[in-house]
Amino acid sequence: FVTGGQVQARIAQWFRPATAVGAAQRGS
């Protein structure tokens, strides 16, 4: 549970303040 919260926080720190998203490569 703690790890899940940390993952969300670390991804969010980059994308919440972002202005736009561009091209994506889906991955696996």
PDB file of all heavy atoms in Angstrom:
ATOM      1  N   PHE A   1       0.829  -1.205   0.000  1.00  0.00           N
ATOM      2  CA  PHE A   1       0.000   0.000   0.000  1.00  0.00           C
ATOM      3  C   PHE A   1       0.860   1.251   0.000  1.00  0.00           C
ATOM      4  O   PHE A   1       0.624   2.186  -0.761  1.00  0.00           O
ATOM      5  CB  PHE A   1      -0.913  -0.008   1.223  1.00  0.00           C
ATOM      6  CG  PHE A   1      -1.750   1.243   1.354  1.00  0.00           C
ATOM      7  CD1 PHE A   1      -2.898   1.406   0.589  1.00  0.00           C
ATOM      8  CD2 PHE A   1      -1.382   2.252   2.226  1.00  0.00           C
ATOM      9  CE1 PHE A   1      -3.660   2.557   0.693  1.00  0.00           C
ATOM     10  CE2 PHE A   1      -2.147   3.401   2.341  1.00  0.00           C
ATOM     11  CZ  PHE A   1      -3.287   3.544   1.576  1.00  0.00           C
ATOM     12  N   VAL A   2       1.901   1.263   0.832  1.00  0.00           N
ATOM     13  CA  VAL A   2       2.790   2.418   0.901  1.00  0.00           C
ATOM     14  C   VAL A   2       3.507   2.599  -0.426  1.00  0.00           C
ATOM     15  O   VAL A   2       3.635   3.707  -0.942  1.00  0.00           O
ATOM     16  CB  VAL A   2       3.811   2.246   2.045  1.00  0.00           C
ATOM     17  CG1 VAL A   2       4.874   3.327   1.976  1.00  0.00           C
ATOM     18  CG2 VAL A   2       3.096   2.310   3.394  1.00  0.00           C
ATOM     19  N   THR A   3       3.974   1.490  -1.022  1.00  0.00           N
ATOM     20  CA  THR A   3       4.661   1.570  -2.299  1.00  0.00           C
ATOM     21  C   THR A   3       3.745   2.130  -3.372  1.00  0.00           C
ATOM     22  O   THR A   3       4.154   2.951  -4.186  1.00  0.00           O
ATOM     23  CB  THR A   3       5.179   0.187  -2.720  1.00  0.00           C
ATOM     24  OG1 THR A   3       6.047  -0.314  -1.702  1.00  0.00           O
ATOM     25  CG2 THR A   3       5.944   0.267  -4.030  1.00  0.00           C
ATOM     26  N   GLY A   4       2.483   1.691  -3.387  1.00  0.00           N
ATOM     27  CA  GLY A   4       1.529   2.198  -4.361  1.00  0.00           C
ATOM     28  C   GLY A   4       1.351   3.703  -4.245  1.00  0.00           C
ATOM     29  O   GLY A   4       1.297   4.415  -5.246  1.00  0.00           O
ATOM     30  N   GLY A   5       1.294   4.209  -3.020  1.00  0.00           N
ATOM     31  CA  GLY A   5       1.182   5.641  -2.806  1.00  0.00           C
ATOM     32  C   GLY A   5       2.422   6.380  -3.272  1.00  0.00           C
ATOM     33  O   GLY A   5       2.335   7.472  -3.840  1.00  0.00           O
ATOM     34  N   GLN A   6       3.577   5.783  -3.055  1.00  0.00           N
ATOM     35  CA  GLN A   6       4.828   6.406  -3.480  1.00  0.00           C
ATOM     36  C   GLN A   6       4.934   6.442  -5.002  1.00  0.00           C
ATOM     37  O   GLN A   6       5.401   7.434  -5.580  1.00  0.00           O
ATOM     38  CB  GLN A   6       6.017   5.647  -2.888  1.00  0.00           C
ATOM     39  CG  GLN A   6       6.157   5.795  -1.382  1.00  0.00           C
ATOM     40  CD  GLN A   6       7.265   4.924  -0.813  1.00  0.00           C
ATOM     41  OE1 GLN A   6       7.705   3.976  -1.447  1.00  0.00           O
ATOM     42  NE2 GLN A   6       7.711   5.244   0.385  1.00  0.00           N
ATOM     43  N   VAL A   7       4.506   5.361  -5.664  1.00  0.00           N
ATOM     44  CA  VAL A   7       4.526   5.320  -7.126  1.00  0.00           C
ATOM     45  C   VAL A   7       3.658   6.443  -7.687  1.00  0.00           C
ATOM     46  O   VAL A   7       4.071   7.193  -8.576  1.00  0.00           O
ATOM     47  CB  VAL A   7       4.033   3.950  -7.642  1.00  0.00           C
ATOM     48  CG1 VAL A   7       3.779   3.996  -9.144  1.00  0.00           C
ATOM     49  CG2 VAL A   7       5.051   2.865  -7.324  1.00  0.00           C
ATOM     50  N   GLN A   8       2.442   6.571  -7.154  1.00  0.00           N
ATOM     51  CA  GLN A   8       1.528   7.617  -7.617  1.00  0.00           C
ATOM     52  C   GLN A   8       2.136   9.003  -7.409  1.00  0.00           C
ATOM     53  O   GLN A   8       2.083   9.861  -8.291  1.00  0.00           O
ATOM     54  CB  GLN A   8       0.200   7.512  -6.860  1.00  0.00           C
ATOM     55  CG  GLN A   8      -0.821   8.604  -7.186  1.00  0.00           C
ATOM     56  CD  GLN A   8      -1.458   8.443  -8.548  1.00  0.00           C
ATOM     57  OE1 GLN A   8      -1.307   7.406  -9.197  1.00  0.00           O
ATOM     58  NE2 GLN A   8      -2.174   9.467  -9.000  1.00  0.00           N
ATOM     59  N   ALA A   9       2.740   9.224  -6.245  1.00  0.00           N
ATOM     60  CA  ALA A   9       3.317  10.540  -5.939  1.00  0.00           C
ATOM     61  C   ALA A   9       4.473  10.874  -6.870  1.00  0.00           C
ATOM     62  O   ALA A   9       4.614  12.016  -7.318  1.00  0.00           O
ATOM     63  CB  ALA A   9       3.775  10.575  -4.482  1.00  0.00           C
ATOM     64  N   ARG A  10       5.303   9.884  -7.178  1.00  0.00           N
ATOM     65  CA  ARG A  10       6.485  10.156  -8.003  1.00  0.00           C
ATOM     66  C   ARG A  10       6.125  10.372  -9.466  1.00  0.00           C
ATOM     67  O   ARG A  10       6.779  11.159 -10.150  1.00  0.00           O
ATOM     68  CB  ARG A  10       7.488   9.010  -7.845  1.00  0.00           C
ATOM     69  CG  ARG A  10       8.092   8.970  -6.448  1.00  0.00           C
ATOM     70  CD  ARG A  10       9.041   7.817  -6.251  1.00  0.00           C
ATOM     71  NE  ARG A  10       9.536   7.787  -4.884  1.00  0.00           N
ATOM     72  CZ  ARG A  10      10.392   6.885  -4.419  1.00  0.00           C
ATOM     73  NH1 ARG A  10      10.853   5.945  -5.235  1.00  0.00           N
ATOM     74  NH2 ARG A  10      10.788   6.915  -3.162  1.00  0.00           N
ATOM     75  N   ILE A  11       5.102   9.673  -9.944  1.00  0.00           N
ATOM     76  CA  ILE A  11       4.643   9.931 -11.312  1.00  0.00           C
ATOM     77  C   ILE A  11       3.937  11.283 -11.370  1.00  0.00           C
ATOM     78  O   ILE A  11       4.143  12.078 -12.290  1.00  0.00           O
ATOM     79  CB  ILE A  11       3.701   8.811 -11.780  1.00  0.00           C
ATOM     80  CG1 ILE A  11       4.439   7.469 -11.887  1.00  0.00           C
ATOM     81  CG2 ILE A  11       3.068   9.171 -13.124  1.00  0.00           C
ATOM     82  CD1 ILE A  11       5.477   7.404 -12.967  1.00  0.00           C
ATOM     83  N   ALA A  12       3.124  11.563 -10.358  1.00  0.00           N
ATOM     84  CA  ALA A  12       2.343  12.801 -10.341  1.00  0.00           C
ATOM     85  C   ALA A  12       3.219  14.043 -10.265  1.00  0.00           C
ATOM     86  O   ALA A  12       2.842  15.093 -10.801  1.00  0.00           O
ATOM     87  CB  ALA A  12       1.359  12.778  -9.168  1.00  0.00           C
ATOM     88  N   GLN A  13       4.365  13.944  -9.611  1.00  0.00           N
ATOM     89  CA  GLN A  13       5.209  15.140  -9.462  1.00  0.00           C
ATOM     90  C   GLN A  13       5.680  15.680 -10.801  1.00  0.00           C
ATOM     91  O   GLN A  13       6.000  16.868 -10.929  1.00  0.00           O
ATOM     92  CB  GLN A  13       6.415  14.827  -8.574  1.00  0.00           C
ATOM     93  CG  GLN A  13       7.487  13.982  -9.233  1.00  0.00           C
ATOM     94  CD  GLN A  13       8.741  13.835  -8.395  1.00  0.00           C
ATOM     95  OE1 GLN A  13       9.058  14.705  -7.609  1.00  0.00           O
ATOM     96  NE2 GLN A  13       9.443  12.724  -8.563  1.00  0.00           N
ATOM     97  N   TRP A  14       5.698  14.831 -11.834  1.00  0.00           N
ATOM     98  CA  TRP A  14       6.116  15.274 -13.158  1.00  0.00           C
ATOM     99  C   TRP A  14       4.936  15.673 -14.039  1.00  0.00           C
ATOM    100  O   TRP A  14       5.042  16.616 -14.837  1.00  0.00           O
ATOM    101  CB  TRP A  14       6.919  14.171 -13.856  1.00  0.00           C
ATOM    102  CG  TRP A  14       8.260  13.970 -13.228  1.00  0.00           C
ATOM    103  CD1 TRP A  14       8.613  13.003 -12.311  1.00  0.00           C
ATOM    104  CD2 TRP A  14       9.422  14.777 -13.425  1.00  0.00           C
ATOM    105  NE1 TRP A  14       9.914  13.166 -11.935  1.00  0.00           N
ATOM    106  CE2 TRP A  14      10.448  14.240 -12.606  1.00  0.00           C
ATOM    107  CE3 TRP A  14       9.710  15.885 -14.209  1.00  0.00           C
ATOM    108  CZ2 TRP A  14      11.728  14.790 -12.558  1.00  0.00           C
ATOM    109  CZ3 TRP A  14      10.983  16.430 -14.166  1.00  0.00           C
ATOM    110  CH2 TRP A  14      11.977  15.883 -13.350  1.00  0.00           C
ATOM    111  N   PHE A  15       3.813  14.967 -13.918  1.00  0.00           N
ATOM    112  CA  PHE A  15       2.722  15.210 -14.854  1.00  0.00           C
ATOM    113  C   PHE A  15       1.641  16.172 -14.356  1.00  0.00           C
ATOM    114  O   PHE A  15       0.989  16.813 -15.179  1.00  0.00           O
ATOM    115  CB  PHE A  15       2.086  13.876 -15.269  1.00  0.00           C
ATOM    116  CG  PHE A  15       2.982  13.055 -16.151  1.00  0.00           C
ATOM    117  CD1 PHE A  15       3.468  11.831 -15.716  1.00  0.00           C
ATOM    118  CD2 PHE A  15       3.364  13.510 -17.395  1.00  0.00           C
ATOM    119  CE1 PHE A  15       4.313  11.077 -16.518  1.00  0.00           C
ATOM    120  CE2 PHE A  15       4.210  12.778 -18.210  1.00  0.00           C
ATOM    121  CZ  PHE A  15       4.684  11.559 -17.768  1.00  0.00           C
ATOM    122  N   ARG A  16       1.425  16.285 -13.078  1.00  0.00           N
ATOM    123  CA  ARG A  16       0.406  17.241 -12.607  1.00  0.00           C
ATOM    124  C   ARG A  16       0.729  18.664 -13.034  1.00  0.00           C
ATOM    125  O   ARG A  16      -0.158  19.394 -13.492  1.00  0.00           O
ATOM    126  CB  ARG A  16       0.246  17.151 -11.091  1.00  0.00           C
ATOM    127  CG  ARG A  16      -0.515  15.925 -10.625  1.00  0.00           C
ATOM    128  CD  ARG A  16      -1.110  16.127  -9.236  1.00  0.00           C
ATOM    129  NE  ARG A  16      -1.622  14.894  -8.693  1.00  0.00           N
ATOM    130  CZ  ARG A  16      -2.778  14.333  -9.038  1.00  0.00           C
ATOM    131  NH1 ARG A  16      -3.530  14.934  -9.954  1.00  0.00           N
ATOM    132  NH2 ARG A  16      -3.173  13.210  -8.500  1.00  0.00           N
ATOM    133  N   PRO A  17       1.979  19.136 -12.903  1.00  0.00           N
ATOM    134  CA  PRO A  17       2.276  20.506 -13.318  1.00  0.00           C
ATOM    135  C   PRO A  17       2.574  20.648 -14.810  1.00  0.00           C
ATOM    136  O   PRO A  17       2.829  21.758 -15.288  1.00  0.00           O
ATOM    137  CB  PRO A  17       3.518  20.853 -12.492  1.00  0.00           C
ATOM    138  CG  PRO A  17       4.219  19.548 -12.306  1.00  0.00           C
ATOM    139  CD  PRO A  17       3.137  18.514 -12.199  1.00  0.00           C
ATOM    140  N   ALA A  18       2.566  19.541 -15.561  1.00  0.00           N
ATOM    141  CA  ALA A  18       2.910  19.593 -16.984  1.00  0.00           C
ATOM    142  C   ALA A  18       1.859  20.362 -17.770  1.00  0.00           C
ATOM    143  O   ALA A  18       0.683  20.439 -17.381  1.00  0.00           O
ATOM    144  CB  ALA A  18       3.045  18.183 -17.542  1.00  0.00           C
ATOM    145  N   THR A  19       2.285  20.911 -18.905  1.00  0.00           N
ATOM    146  CA  THR A  19       1.395  21.709 -19.738  1.00  0.00           C
ATOM    147  C   THR A  19       0.677  20.872 -20.791  1.00  0.00           C
ATOM    148  O   THR A  19      -0.474  21.140 -21.127  1.00  0.00           O
ATOM    149  CB  THR A  19       2.204  22.826 -20.428  1.00  0.00           C
ATOM    150  OG1 THR A  19       2.884  23.585 -19.422  1.00  0.00           O
ATOM    151  CG2 THR A  19       1.307  23.762 -21.209  1.00  0.00           C
ATOM    152  N   ALA A  20       1.335  19.852 -21.321  1.00  0.00           N
ATOM    153  CA  ALA A  20       0.721  18.979 -22.328  1.00  0.00           C
ATOM    154  C   ALA A  20       1.492  17.678 -22.398  1.00  0.00           C
ATOM    155  O   ALA A  20       2.649  17.602 -21.983  1.00  0.00           O
ATOM    156  CB  ALA A  20       0.704  19.666 -23.702  1.00  0.00           C
ATOM    157  N   VAL A  21       0.834  16.647 -22.925  1.00  0.00           N
ATOM    158  CA  VAL A  21       1.500  15.368 -23.171  1.00  0.00           C
ATOM    159  C   VAL A  21       1.667  15.197 -24.668  1.00  0.00           C
ATOM    160  O   VAL A  21       0.883  15.720 -25.473  1.00  0.00           O
ATOM    161  CB  VAL A  21       0.715  14.178 -22.580  1.00  0.00           C
ATOM    162  CG1 VAL A  21       0.759  14.210 -21.071  1.00  0.00           C
ATOM    163  CG2 VAL A  21      -0.724  14.174 -23.074  1.00  0.00           C
ATOM    164  N   GLY A  22       2.703  14.470 -25.056  1.00  0.00           N
ATOM    165  CA  GLY A  22       2.987  14.249 -26.462  1.00  0.00           C
ATOM    166  C   GLY A  22       2.857  12.793 -26.832  1.00  0.00           C
ATOM    167  O   GLY A  22       2.013  12.068 -26.307  1.00  0.00           O
ATOM    168  N   ALA A  23       3.742  12.344 -27.723  1.00  0.00           N
ATOM    169  CA  ALA A  23       3.688  10.969 -28.222  1.00  0.00           C
ATOM    170  C   ALA A  23       4.068   9.979 -27.126  1.00  0.00           C
ATOM    171  O   ALA A  23       4.948  10.238 -26.302  1.00  0.00           O
ATOM    172  CB  ALA A  23       4.629  10.817 -29.413  1.00  0.00           C
ATOM    173  N   ALA A  24       3.383   8.828 -27.125  1.00  0.00           N
ATOM    174  CA  ALA A  24       3.624   7.798 -26.112  1.00  0.00           C
ATOM    175  C   ALA A  24       4.005   6.481 -26.767  1.00  0.00           C
ATOM    176  O   ALA A  24       3.508   6.138 -27.843  1.00  0.00           O
ATOM    177  CB  ALA A  24       2.392   7.605 -25.242  1.00  0.00           C
ATOM    178  N   GLN A  25       4.881   5.749 -26.120  1.00  0.00           N
ATOM    179  CA  GLN A  25       5.225   4.376 -26.492  1.00  0.00           C
ATOM    180  C   GLN A  25       4.740   3.502 -25.347  1.00  0.00           C
ATOM    181  O   GLN A  25       5.200   3.644 -24.217  1.00  0.00           O
ATOM    182  CB  GLN A  25       6.736   4.243 -26.693  1.00  0.00           C
ATOM    183  CG  GLN A  25       7.177   2.888 -27.194  1.00  0.00           C
ATOM    184  CD  GLN A  25       8.618   2.926 -27.684  1.00  0.00           C
ATOM    185  OE1 GLN A  25       8.894   3.310 -28.817  1.00  0.00           O
ATOM    186  NE2 GLN A  25       9.545   2.546 -26.818  1.00  0.00           N
ATOM    187  N   ARG A  26       3.815   2.615 -25.621  1.00  0.00           N
ATOM    188  CA  ARG A  26       3.062   1.924 -24.575  1.00  0.00           C
ATOM    189  C   ARG A  26       3.930   1.086 -23.639  1.00  0.00           C
ATOM    190  O   ARG A  26       3.762   1.127 -22.426  1.00  0.00           O
ATOM    191  CB  ARG A  26       1.992   1.033 -25.208  1.00  0.00           C
ATOM    192  CG  ARG A  26       1.003   0.446 -24.211  1.00  0.00           C
ATOM    193  CD  ARG A  26      -0.118  -0.287 -24.935  1.00  0.00           C
ATOM    194  NE  ARG A  26      -1.098  -0.769 -23.988  1.00  0.00           N
ATOM    195  CZ  ARG A  26      -1.017  -1.923 -23.327  1.00  0.00           C
ATOM    196  NH1 ARG A  26       0.035  -2.706 -23.529  1.00  0.00           N
ATOM    197  NH2 ARG A  26      -1.954  -2.288 -22.466  1.00  0.00           N
ATOM    198  N   GLY A  27       4.860   0.327 -24.182  1.00  0.00           N
ATOM    199  CA  GLY A  27       5.681  -0.539 -23.346  1.00  0.00           C
ATOM    200  C   GLY A  27       4.988  -1.830 -22.995  1.00  0.00           C
ATOM    201  O   GLY A  27       3.915  -2.155 -23.508  1.00  0.00           O
ATOM    202  N   SER A  28       5.601  -2.605 -22.100  1.00  0.00           N
ATOM    203  CA  SER A  28       5.073  -3.909 -21.711  1.00  0.00           C
ATOM    204  C   SER A  28       5.565  -4.275 -20.324  1.00  0.00           C
ATOM    205  O   SER A  28       6.645  -3.860 -19.906  1.00  0.00           O
ATOM    206  CB  SER A  28       5.524  -4.970 -22.715  1.00  0.00           C
ATOM    207  OG  SER A  28       5.199  -6.265 -22.270  1.00  0.00           O
TER     208      SER A  28
END
